[in-house]
Amino acid sequence: MTVRLVQLADRVLRPVLLPVQFALLLFTFRLGRLRAARARGDRGAISIELALAIIALVFVAGAVATALYLLKDKVVKKVEQDPNMPGGGGAGGAGSAGGATP
């Protein structure tokens, strides 16, 4: 069962994290170019590559923050729809006494 769960998680998370994977690849590429510029001793190229690497890193952080925000919205909607959860709507939720008054 654990293998199936891992495969399911892989199939669900891979498309969601595709932009993050792309940004990490871009960041790795920029770091490689930075190392090459450092080996050549080209100070101008070093500063440009550092700036581009920082931009790519900010893009990664933004993509992760966006994914977490969207996940939060999805979970909040599910909790609001579930009548058994505290704060959830629908009959049978907190405060519902089934029409009987004490």
Protein backbone atom coordinates (compact mmCIF):
# COMPACT_ATOMS: atom_id res chain seq x y z
CA MET A 1 0.00 0.00 0.00
CA THR A 2 2.89 2.35 0.71
CA VAL A 3 4.16 1.94 -2.85
CA ARG A 4 0.73 2.88 -4.23
CA LEU A 5 0.59 5.93 -1.98
CA VAL A 6 4.01 7.06 -3.15
CA GLN A 7 3.00 6.58 -6.80
CA LEU A 8 -0.23 8.52 -6.24
CA ALA A 9 1.59 11.35 -4.51
CA ASP A 10 4.11 11.43 -7.36
CA ARG A 11 1.35 11.64 -9.98
CA VAL A 12 -0.47 14.39 -8.10
CA LEU A 13 2.49 16.50 -7.01
CA ARG A 14 4.62 16.34 -10.15
CA PRO A 15 2.33 18.50 -12.34
CA VAL A 16 1.69 20.92 -9.47
CA LEU A 17 5.39 21.41 -8.81
CA LEU A 18 6.40 21.69 -12.47
CA PRO A 19 6.93 25.49 -12.32
CA VAL A 20 9.06 25.06 -9.20
CA GLN A 21 11.13 22.38 -10.93
CA PHE A 22 11.64 24.69 -13.91
CA ALA A 23 12.75 27.56 -11.68
CA LEU A 24 15.18 25.29 -9.80
CA LEU A 25 16.64 24.15 -13.11
CA LEU A 26 17.04 27.79 -14.14
CA PHE A 27 18.70 28.59 -10.79
CA THR A 28 21.11 25.65 -11.18
CA PHE A 29 21.96 26.79 -14.71
CA ARG A 30 22.69 30.31 -13.49
CA LEU A 31 24.94 28.99 -10.73
CA GLY A 32 26.86 26.95 -13.30
CA ARG A 33 27.38 30.07 -15.41
CA LEU A 34 28.48 31.92 -12.27
CA ARG A 35 31.13 29.29 -11.55
CA ALA A 36 32.37 29.51 -15.14
CA ALA A 37 32.59 33.32 -14.95
CA ARG A 38 34.45 33.08 -11.64
CA ALA A 39 36.92 30.64 -13.20
CA ARG A 40 37.53 33.11 -16.07
CA GLY A 41 37.87 36.02 -13.64
CA ASP A 42 35.19 38.08 -15.40
CA ARG A 43 33.83 40.38 -12.68
CA GLY A 44 31.07 41.88 -14.81
CA ALA A 45 29.68 38.47 -15.71
CA ILE A 46 29.87 37.39 -12.06
CA SER A 47 27.64 40.25 -10.93
CA ILE A 48 25.16 39.68 -13.77
CA GLU A 49 24.93 35.96 -13.07
CA LEU A 50 24.49 36.59 -9.34
CA ALA A 51 21.64 39.01 -10.05
CA LEU A 52 19.95 36.54 -12.41
CA ALA A 53 20.40 33.70 -9.90
CA ILE A 54 18.74 35.81 -7.19
CA ILE A 55 15.83 36.60 -9.54
CA ALA A 56 15.39 32.87 -10.23
CA LEU A 57 15.49 32.14 -6.49
CA VAL A 58 12.81 34.76 -5.82
CA PHE A 59 10.70 33.15 -8.56
CA VAL A 60 11.04 29.77 -6.82
CA ALA A 61 9.99 31.27 -3.49
CA GLY A 62 7.01 32.96 -5.12
CA ALA A 63 5.91 29.73 -6.79
CA VAL A 64 6.10 27.85 -3.49
CA ALA A 65 4.16 30.59 -1.68
CA THR A 66 1.48 30.58 -4.39
CA ALA A 67 1.15 26.80 -4.23
CA LEU A 68 0.75 26.92 -0.44
CA TYR A 69 -1.84 29.70 -0.69
CA LEU A 70 -3.89 27.73 -3.25
CA LEU A 71 -3.66 24.61 -1.06
CA LYS A 72 -4.89 26.63 1.92
CA ASP A 73 -7.91 27.85 -0.05
CA LYS A 74 -8.74 24.30 -1.11
CA VAL A 75 -8.54 22.99 2.46
CA VAL A 76 -10.66 25.84 3.82
CA LYS A 77 -13.39 25.10 1.26
CA LYS A 78 -13.37 21.41 2.17
CA VAL A 79 -13.60 22.16 5.89
CA GLU A 80 -16.49 24.55 5.31
CA GLN A 81 -18.36 21.88 3.34
CA ASP A 82 -17.79 19.09 5.88
CA PRO A 83 -20.59 19.12 8.48
CA ASN A 84 -18.56 17.05 10.97
CA MET A 85 -15.70 19.53 11.20
CA PRO A 86 -15.83 22.34 13.78
CA GLY A 87 -16.87 25.49 11.97
CA GLY A 88 -18.21 23.48 9.05
CA GLY A 89 -21.56 24.31 7.52
CA GLY A 90 -24.55 22.07 6.95
CA ALA A 91 -26.82 20.04 9.22
CA GLY A 92 -25.13 18.12 12.02
CA GLY A 93 -22.41 20.67 12.56
CA ALA A 94 -21.52 22.36 15.82
CA GLY A 95 -24.57 23.89 17.47
CA SER A 96 -27.07 21.64 15.74
CA ALA A 97 -29.32 19.91 18.26
CA GLY A 98 -31.52 18.17 15.71
CA GLY A 99 -34.43 20.54 16.25
CA ALA A 100 -34.89 19.70 19.95
CA THR A 101 -34.67 22.49 22.48
CA PRO A 102 -33.64 21.76 26.05
